[in-house]
Protein backbone atom coordinates (compact mmCIF):
# COMPACT_ATOMS: atom_id res chain seq x y z
CA MET A 1 -11.60 -27.94 6.98
CA LYS A 2 -14.75 -25.94 6.44
CA TYR A 3 -13.03 -22.57 6.11
CA LEU A 4 -11.14 -23.85 3.03
CA GLU A 5 -14.35 -24.67 1.17
CA GLY A 6 -14.87 -22.50 -1.88
CA LEU A 7 -11.16 -21.80 -2.37
CA ASN A 8 -9.56 -22.93 -5.62
CA ASP A 9 -6.37 -25.02 -5.59
CA ALA A 10 -3.99 -22.05 -5.86
CA GLN A 11 -5.81 -20.19 -3.10
CA LYS A 12 -5.67 -23.24 -0.81
CA ARG A 13 -1.95 -23.62 -1.50
CA ALA A 14 -1.39 -20.00 -0.48
CA VAL A 15 -3.39 -20.43 2.73
CA LEU A 16 -1.67 -23.68 3.74
CA THR A 17 1.92 -22.63 2.92
CA THR A 18 2.78 -21.13 6.28
CA ALA A 19 6.54 -21.54 6.69
CA GLY A 20 9.18 -19.28 5.18
CA PRO A 21 8.86 -16.47 2.63
CA VAL A 22 5.89 -16.72 0.26
CA SER A 23 5.02 -14.45 -2.66
CA VAL A 24 1.49 -14.54 -4.07
CA LEU A 25 1.05 -12.92 -7.48
CA ALA A 26 -2.62 -12.02 -7.58
CA GLY A 27 -4.48 -10.21 -10.32
CA ALA A 28 -7.61 -8.12 -9.92
CA GLY A 29 -10.65 -9.99 -8.63
CA SER A 30 -8.64 -13.10 -7.73
CA GLY A 31 -9.74 -13.24 -4.09
CA LYS A 32 -6.43 -12.13 -2.61
CA THR A 33 -7.99 -10.49 0.47
CA ARG A 34 -9.92 -13.66 1.20
CA VAL A 35 -6.72 -15.68 0.85
CA LEU A 36 -4.79 -13.36 3.16
CA THR A 37 -7.44 -13.30 5.90
CA THR A 38 -8.11 -17.05 5.65
CA ARG A 39 -4.38 -17.71 5.99
CA ILE A 40 -4.27 -15.63 9.17
CA TYR A 41 -7.22 -17.61 10.53
CA HIS A 42 -5.52 -20.88 9.52
CA LEU A 43 -2.37 -19.91 11.44
CA ILE A 44 -4.44 -19.25 14.54
CA ARG A 45 -6.26 -22.58 14.08
CA GLU A 46 -2.86 -24.24 13.90
CA GLY A 47 -1.94 -22.81 17.29
CA VAL A 48 -0.15 -19.55 16.47
CA PRO A 49 -1.21 -16.88 19.02
CA GLY A 50 -3.10 -14.13 17.22
CA ASN A 51 -0.96 -11.41 18.73
CA GLU A 52 2.13 -12.91 17.04
CA ILE A 53 0.64 -12.19 13.61
CA LEU A 54 1.07 -8.88 11.75
CA ALA A 55 -0.76 -7.80 8.60
CA VAL A 56 0.10 -4.57 6.76
CA THR A 57 -1.70 -2.86 3.92
CA PHE A 58 -1.75 0.60 2.33
CA THR A 59 -5.09 2.22 3.13
CA ASN A 60 -7.17 2.57 6.28
CA LYS A 61 -10.16 1.19 4.40
CA ALA A 62 -8.28 -1.97 3.40
CA ALA A 63 -6.97 -2.39 6.95
CA ARG A 64 -10.50 -2.07 8.39
CA GLU A 65 -11.86 -4.59 5.89
CA MET A 66 -9.07 -7.07 6.65
CA ARG A 67 -9.52 -6.62 10.39
CA GLU A 68 -13.27 -7.21 10.16
CA ARG A 69 -12.86 -10.29 7.96
CA VAL A 70 -10.44 -11.86 10.42
CA ARG A 71 -12.79 -11.11 13.33
CA THR A 72 -15.69 -12.59 11.39
CA LEU A 73 -13.74 -15.78 10.70
CA LEU A 74 -12.78 -16.05 14.36
CA GLY A 75 -16.34 -15.31 15.47
CA GLU A 76 -17.80 -17.96 13.17
CA ASN A 77 -15.53 -20.66 14.60
CA ASP A 78 -17.37 -23.60 16.15
CA PRO A 79 -16.52 -23.51 19.87
CA MET A 80 -16.75 -27.33 19.97
CA ALA A 81 -14.25 -27.79 17.13
CA PRO A 82 -10.67 -28.89 17.82
CA ASN A 83 -7.96 -26.23 17.92
CA THR A 84 -10.47 -23.55 18.91
CA PRO A 85 -8.58 -20.22 18.61
CA ASP A 86 -7.84 -18.14 21.66
CA LEU A 87 -9.61 -14.84 20.93
CA SER A 88 -7.75 -12.98 23.67
CA GLY A 89 -4.94 -12.03 21.28
CA LEU A 90 -5.98 -10.64 17.91
CA PRO A 91 -3.58 -10.04 15.00
CA PHE A 92 -2.27 -6.52 14.56
CA VAL A 93 -3.68 -5.22 11.28
CA ALA A 94 -2.71 -1.73 10.12
CA THR A 95 -1.38 0.43 7.34
CA PHE A 96 2.38 0.95 7.07
CA HIS A 97 1.92 4.30 8.77
CA GLY A 98 -0.22 2.76 11.51
CA LEU A 99 2.47 0.15 12.09
CA GLY A 100 5.13 2.89 12.22
CA ARG A 101 3.14 4.83 14.79
CA GLU A 102 2.74 1.71 16.93
CA LEU A 103 6.49 1.01 16.79
CA LEU A 104 7.39 4.58 17.73
CA GLU A 105 4.85 4.76 20.56
CA SER A 106 6.06 1.43 21.97
CA TYR A 107 9.82 1.72 21.46
CA GLY A 108 10.50 5.32 20.39
CA SER A 109 12.09 6.24 23.72
CA SER A 110 15.23 4.55 22.38
CA MET A 111 15.33 7.38 19.80
CA GLY A 112 14.60 10.08 22.36
CA LEU A 113 10.96 10.41 21.24
CA PRO A 114 8.19 11.20 23.73
CA ARG A 115 5.56 8.51 24.37
CA TYR A 116 2.95 10.75 22.76
CA PHE A 117 3.52 12.97 19.77
CA SER A 118 1.37 14.79 17.24
CA ILE A 119 1.36 13.99 13.53
CA PHE A 120 1.32 16.61 10.80
CA ASP A 121 -1.06 15.81 7.97
CA ARG A 122 -0.30 16.99 4.44
CA ASP A 123 -2.09 20.32 4.97
CA ASP A 124 -0.05 21.00 8.12
CA SER A 125 3.18 20.13 6.31
CA GLU A 126 2.34 22.20 3.25
CA LYS A 127 1.57 25.20 5.46
CA VAL A 128 4.99 25.00 7.16
CA VAL A 129 6.75 24.61 3.80
CA SER A 130 4.81 27.60 2.44
CA GLU A 131 5.92 29.71 5.41
CA ALA A 132 9.54 28.62 4.88
CA LEU A 133 9.41 29.56 1.19
CA LYS A 134 7.98 32.95 2.10
CA ALA A 135 10.76 33.51 4.65
CA LEU A 136 13.29 32.69 1.91
CA ASP A 137 11.55 35.20 -0.39
CA VAL A 138 10.62 32.48 -2.91
CA SER A 139 7.28 32.97 -4.63
CA ILE A 140 4.88 30.10 -5.39
CA LYS A 141 5.37 30.92 -9.08
CA GLU A 142 9.01 29.93 -8.73
CA LEU A 143 8.45 26.88 -6.55
CA SER A 144 5.12 25.61 -5.25
CA PRO A 145 4.92 24.37 -1.63
CA ARG A 146 3.39 21.12 -2.88
CA ALA A 147 6.32 20.47 -5.24
CA VAL A 148 8.90 21.15 -2.52
CA LEU A 149 7.04 18.97 -0.01
CA GLY A 150 6.78 16.23 -2.65
CA ARG A 151 10.53 16.30 -3.17
CA ILE A 152 11.16 16.13 0.58
CA SER A 153 8.68 13.28 0.93
CA LYS A 154 10.25 11.28 -1.91
CA ALA A 155 13.72 11.77 -0.43
CA LYS A 156 12.50 10.63 2.98
CA GLY A 157 10.97 7.57 1.32
CA GLU A 158 14.41 6.74 -0.05
CA GLY A 159 15.87 6.90 3.46
CA MET A 160 17.49 10.31 3.11
CA THR A 161 17.77 12.84 5.95
CA ALA A 162 17.75 16.65 5.74
CA SER A 163 21.51 16.77 6.37
CA GLY A 164 22.12 14.05 3.78
CA PHE A 165 20.05 15.94 1.23
CA GLN A 166 21.94 19.16 2.03
CA GLU A 167 25.26 17.42 1.51
CA LYS A 168 24.21 15.86 -1.79
CA PHE A 169 22.08 18.58 -3.36
CA GLY A 170 22.76 21.75 -1.35
CA ARG A 171 24.87 23.20 -4.16
CA GLY A 172 22.79 21.87 -7.01
CA SER A 173 19.97 23.48 -8.99
CA PHE A 174 17.84 26.35 -7.69
CA GLY A 175 15.02 23.94 -6.77
CA ALA A 176 17.38 21.57 -4.96
CA ARG A 177 19.06 24.38 -3.01
CA ILE A 178 15.75 25.86 -1.92
CA THR A 179 14.37 22.42 -1.01
CA SER A 180 17.42 21.84 1.15
CA GLU A 181 16.92 25.17 2.97
CA VAL A 182 13.19 24.55 3.41
CA TRP A 183 13.75 21.02 4.70
CA GLY A 184 16.01 22.29 7.48
CA ARG A 185 13.39 24.83 8.58
CA TYR A 186 10.65 22.21 8.26
CA GLU A 187 12.48 19.77 10.56
CA ALA A 188 13.09 22.55 13.08
CA LYS A 189 9.35 23.28 13.14
CA LEU A 190 8.49 19.60 13.63
CA LYS A 191 10.93 19.39 16.54
CA LYS A 192 9.54 22.55 18.13
CA GLU A 193 5.98 21.21 17.90
CA LYS A 194 7.04 17.72 19.12
CA ALA A 195 5.53 16.38 15.93
CA LEU A 196 6.27 13.94 13.12
CA ASP A 197 4.97 13.81 9.57
CA PHE A 198 3.68 10.77 7.65
CA ASP A 199 7.08 10.02 6.16
CA ASP A 200 8.70 10.00 9.60
CA LEU A 201 6.33 7.18 10.59
CA ILE A 202 8.28 4.91 8.24
CA ALA A 203 11.74 6.49 8.24
CA LEU A 204 12.19 6.65 12.03
CA PRO A 205 11.12 3.04 12.77
CA VAL A 206 13.58 1.81 10.12
CA ARG A 207 16.36 3.88 11.63
CA MET A 208 15.40 2.68 15.11
CA LEU A 209 15.38 -1.03 14.18
CA GLU A 210 18.66 -0.75 12.29
CA LYS A 211 20.40 1.11 15.11
CA HIS A 212 19.00 -0.58 18.24
CA GLU A 213 19.50 -4.33 18.31
CA ASP A 214 17.50 -4.80 21.52
CA VAL A 215 14.45 -3.08 20.00
CA ARG A 216 14.82 -5.08 16.80
CA HIS A 217 14.87 -8.36 18.74
CA ALA A 218 11.84 -7.30 20.79
CA VAL A 219 9.83 -6.49 17.65
CA GLN A 220 10.86 -9.72 15.94
CA ALA A 221 9.77 -11.67 19.02
CA ARG A 222 6.46 -9.82 19.05
CA TRP A 223 5.45 -10.63 15.46
CA LYS A 224 6.62 -13.99 14.11
CA TYR A 225 4.37 -14.02 11.03
CA VAL A 226 4.26 -10.93 8.81
CA HIS A 227 1.80 -10.37 5.94
CA ILE A 228 2.00 -7.47 3.48
CA ASP A 229 -0.74 -6.64 0.99
CA GLU A 230 -0.17 -4.72 -2.28
CA TYR A 231 3.54 -5.46 -2.05
CA GLN A 232 4.19 -3.95 -5.49
CA ASP A 233 3.50 -0.53 -3.96
CA THR A 234 6.27 -0.69 -1.34
CA ASN A 235 9.06 1.85 -1.52
CA GLU A 236 12.66 1.43 -0.41
CA LEU A 237 12.06 2.21 3.26
CA GLN A 238 9.00 -0.03 3.47
CA GLY A 239 10.99 -2.86 1.87
CA ARG A 240 13.77 -2.35 4.44
CA LEU A 241 11.20 -2.31 7.26
CA ALA A 242 9.74 -5.63 6.06
CA LYS A 243 13.18 -7.23 6.01
CA LEU A 244 13.98 -6.01 9.52
CA LEU A 245 10.69 -7.39 10.84
CA VAL A 246 11.21 -10.92 9.48
CA GLU A 247 14.99 -11.18 9.86
CA LYS A 248 14.77 -13.78 12.67
CA HIS A 249 11.81 -16.02 11.76
CA ASN A 250 11.76 -15.44 7.98
CA ASN A 251 7.98 -15.87 7.82
CA LEU A 252 6.99 -13.22 5.28
CA PHE A 253 3.83 -13.57 3.19
CA VAL A 254 3.36 -10.92 0.51
CA VAL A 255 0.54 -10.42 -1.97
CA GLY A 256 0.89 -8.19 -4.98
CA ASP A 257 0.66 -7.73 -8.71
CA GLY A 258 3.40 -6.04 -10.74
CA ASP A 259 0.85 -5.39 -13.48
CA GLN A 260 -0.93 -2.94 -11.17
CA ALA A 261 2.11 -0.99 -9.96
CA ILE A 262 1.15 2.67 -10.40
CA TYR A 263 2.96 4.43 -7.56
CA GLY A 264 6.47 4.77 -8.99
CA TRP A 265 6.03 8.55 -8.79
CA ARG A 266 6.02 8.33 -4.98
CA GLY A 267 8.95 5.95 -4.72
CA ALA A 268 7.27 2.53 -5.03
CA LYS A 269 9.59 -0.11 -6.46
CA MET A 270 7.93 -2.90 -8.43
CA GLU A 271 11.26 -4.76 -8.25
CA TYR A 272 10.46 -5.81 -4.68
CA ILE A 273 7.83 -8.25 -5.87
CA LEU A 274 9.55 -9.14 -9.16
CA ASN A 275 12.80 -10.03 -7.35
CA PHE A 276 11.26 -11.56 -4.24
CA GLU A 277 12.91 -14.97 -4.76
CA LYS A 278 16.33 -13.30 -5.07
CA GLU A 279 15.82 -11.20 -1.95
CA TYR A 280 14.49 -14.07 0.19
CA ALA A 281 16.27 -17.40 -0.23
CA GLY A 282 13.97 -20.41 -0.52
CA ALA A 283 10.93 -18.28 -1.28
CA LYS A 284 7.87 -19.90 -2.82
CA THR A 285 5.74 -18.18 -5.47
CA ILE A 286 2.04 -18.92 -5.93
CA ILE A 287 0.03 -17.41 -8.78
CA LEU A 288 -3.69 -16.62 -8.50
CA GLU A 289 -4.97 -16.40 -12.06
CA HIS A 290 -8.72 -16.84 -11.70
CA ASN A 291 -10.67 -13.57 -11.90
CA TYR A 292 -14.03 -13.81 -10.14
CA ARG A 293 -15.04 -10.17 -10.61
CA SER A 294 -14.76 -9.10 -14.25
CA THR A 295 -16.45 -10.15 -17.46
CA LYS A 296 -14.53 -12.18 -20.02
CA ASN A 297 -14.29 -9.23 -22.41
CA LEU A 298 -12.58 -7.12 -19.74
CA VAL A 299 -10.21 -9.92 -18.73
CA ASP A 300 -9.23 -10.63 -22.34
CA ALA A 301 -8.64 -6.93 -23.02
CA ALA A 302 -6.50 -6.56 -19.91
CA ASN A 303 -4.42 -9.62 -20.88
CA GLY A 304 -3.92 -8.17 -24.34
CA VAL A 305 -2.60 -4.89 -23.00
CA ILE A 306 -0.48 -6.32 -20.18
CA LYS A 307 1.32 -8.90 -22.31
CA GLU A 308 3.14 -6.03 -24.07
CA ASN A 309 4.91 -5.18 -20.81
CA LYS A 310 8.29 -6.93 -20.88
CA LYS A 311 9.21 -6.20 -17.26
CA ARG A 312 6.83 -8.56 -15.51
CA LYS A 313 6.30 -12.09 -14.28
CA GLU A 314 4.20 -14.24 -16.57
CA ARG A 315 0.60 -14.37 -15.37
CA ILE A 316 -2.57 -14.68 -17.45
CA SER A 317 -5.95 -13.95 -15.89
CA VAL A 318 -8.80 -16.34 -16.67
CA THR A 319 -12.47 -16.22 -15.80
CA ASP A 320 -15.61 -18.33 -16.04
CA ASN A 321 -17.79 -15.22 -16.13
CA PRO A 322 -19.90 -14.43 -19.22
CA SER A 323 -18.50 -12.24 -22.00
CA GLY A 324 -20.52 -9.20 -20.93
CA GLU A 325 -20.85 -5.96 -22.81
CA PRO A 326 -18.26 -5.26 -25.51
CA ILE A 327 -15.64 -2.61 -24.76
CA ARG A 328 -16.26 0.58 -26.72
CA VAL A 329 -13.55 3.13 -27.50
CA TYR A 330 -14.36 6.71 -28.41
CA ALA A 331 -11.59 8.96 -29.74
CA GLY A 332 -12.63 12.55 -29.05
CA PHE A 333 -11.29 15.61 -30.87
CA SER A 334 -10.93 17.58 -27.61
CA ALA A 335 -11.60 17.40 -23.88
CA GLU A 336 -14.93 19.18 -24.46
CA ASP A 337 -15.84 16.64 -27.12
CA GLU A 338 -15.06 13.80 -24.72
CA ALA A 339 -17.15 15.42 -21.99
CA ARG A 340 -20.06 15.91 -24.39
CA PHE A 341 -19.90 12.26 -25.44
CA ILE A 342 -19.83 11.08 -21.82
CA ALA A 343 -22.78 13.33 -20.93
CA THR A 344 -24.77 11.94 -23.85
CA ARG A 345 -24.04 8.35 -22.77
CA ILE A 346 -25.05 9.11 -19.17
CA LYS A 347 -28.29 10.71 -20.35
CA HIS A 348 -29.00 7.61 -22.48
CA PHE A 349 -28.46 5.29 -19.49
CA MET A 350 -30.62 7.39 -17.17
CA GLU A 351 -33.44 7.59 -19.69
CA GLY A 352 -33.28 3.80 -19.77
CA GLY A 353 -33.89 3.69 -16.01
CA GLU A 354 -30.32 3.50 -14.70
CA LEU A 355 -29.67 5.25 -11.38
CA PRO A 356 -27.00 7.99 -11.39
CA GLU A 357 -25.17 6.39 -8.44
CA ASN A 358 -24.54 3.31 -10.59
CA ILE A 359 -22.54 5.31 -13.13
CA ALA A 360 -18.83 6.09 -12.71
CA ILE A 361 -16.48 8.39 -14.64
CA LEU A 362 -12.74 7.85 -14.39
CA PHE A 363 -10.31 10.52 -15.52
CA ARG A 364 -6.52 10.51 -15.60
CA THR A 365 -5.76 14.01 -14.31
CA ASN A 366 -7.73 16.66 -12.43
CA PRO A 367 -7.82 19.07 -15.42
CA HIS A 368 -9.97 16.49 -17.19
CA GLN A 369 -12.61 16.78 -14.47
CA LEU A 370 -14.88 18.92 -16.62
CA PRO A 371 -18.47 19.80 -15.68
CA VAL A 372 -20.90 17.34 -17.22
CA THR A 373 -24.50 18.43 -17.77
CA CYS A 374 -27.00 15.75 -18.70
CA ALA A 375 -29.98 18.06 -19.17
């Protein structure tokens, strides 16, 4: 099969393993997006209608890229080849929030939701929370709107409701009590505006599928093959949503890497990918170890750091790429010293003919985003 050419053995195994739960542990630069999109194409070639396939990822950019890759694969298909795919039904590819919106627009009437509703973005939500704090005579020096909204968001991500939070924390610390009061006012505002926030786009579909068996069966009949990218970043509600989606057909394909789990602060649970075989009986695990992107020095350094993490599944990245430039470490005496060093290095590169747009600076927190002058 021509579309399998160029895939290594592990990648081919991931593409061709189509039945039951499958976990693919994929490091950086291992071609996981190619594997995921090629697998979707393979399913369609094998006769699965495209509109029975669901693929979920975390960012709009990733969803667009995945969608375009699938369309390209379908468009490149030889019309004279056997098993020519029917292009009339394309897979549904979206972020978790895009999937939630689709579920609520299609089936939300079972929850008393209108067919069309507005969605508060973070600025909208923060504004309402700020107004609620002001009405409660709480200054931003005591509690910032962002902190309160963050606590509400995290609680929603854990499946908690405003009334549940009130019952559990309403008599707790000052911050918990105020958050509980604000949350009640916040929900009242959403209801008045006939609006939902981003967290509702996950919480309400989960509640709907758990409560309404007819809706759950309809959704399971709609998508018989479910794919989830960056599975290590799923939180409790997203994990529950995945299980509800695949409960009947059990065809769940997840791609992730516990070594890149960085979203614990917003409720992501790395355990979902580490315990995948326990959660889904008969699950298969495939490991993609070949790094096609990075130099050998970078791969070796990453392996050296990651191996110290005891809470992980064994996976060692390998590459055929050249060694590349050595990794240099500079220990600055202060943030200003670090900034000065970086500016000097940038000036050196630019004087050597390097374009500014080819140079990147990564910093851990916003306070480190100091002005850099290369003059």
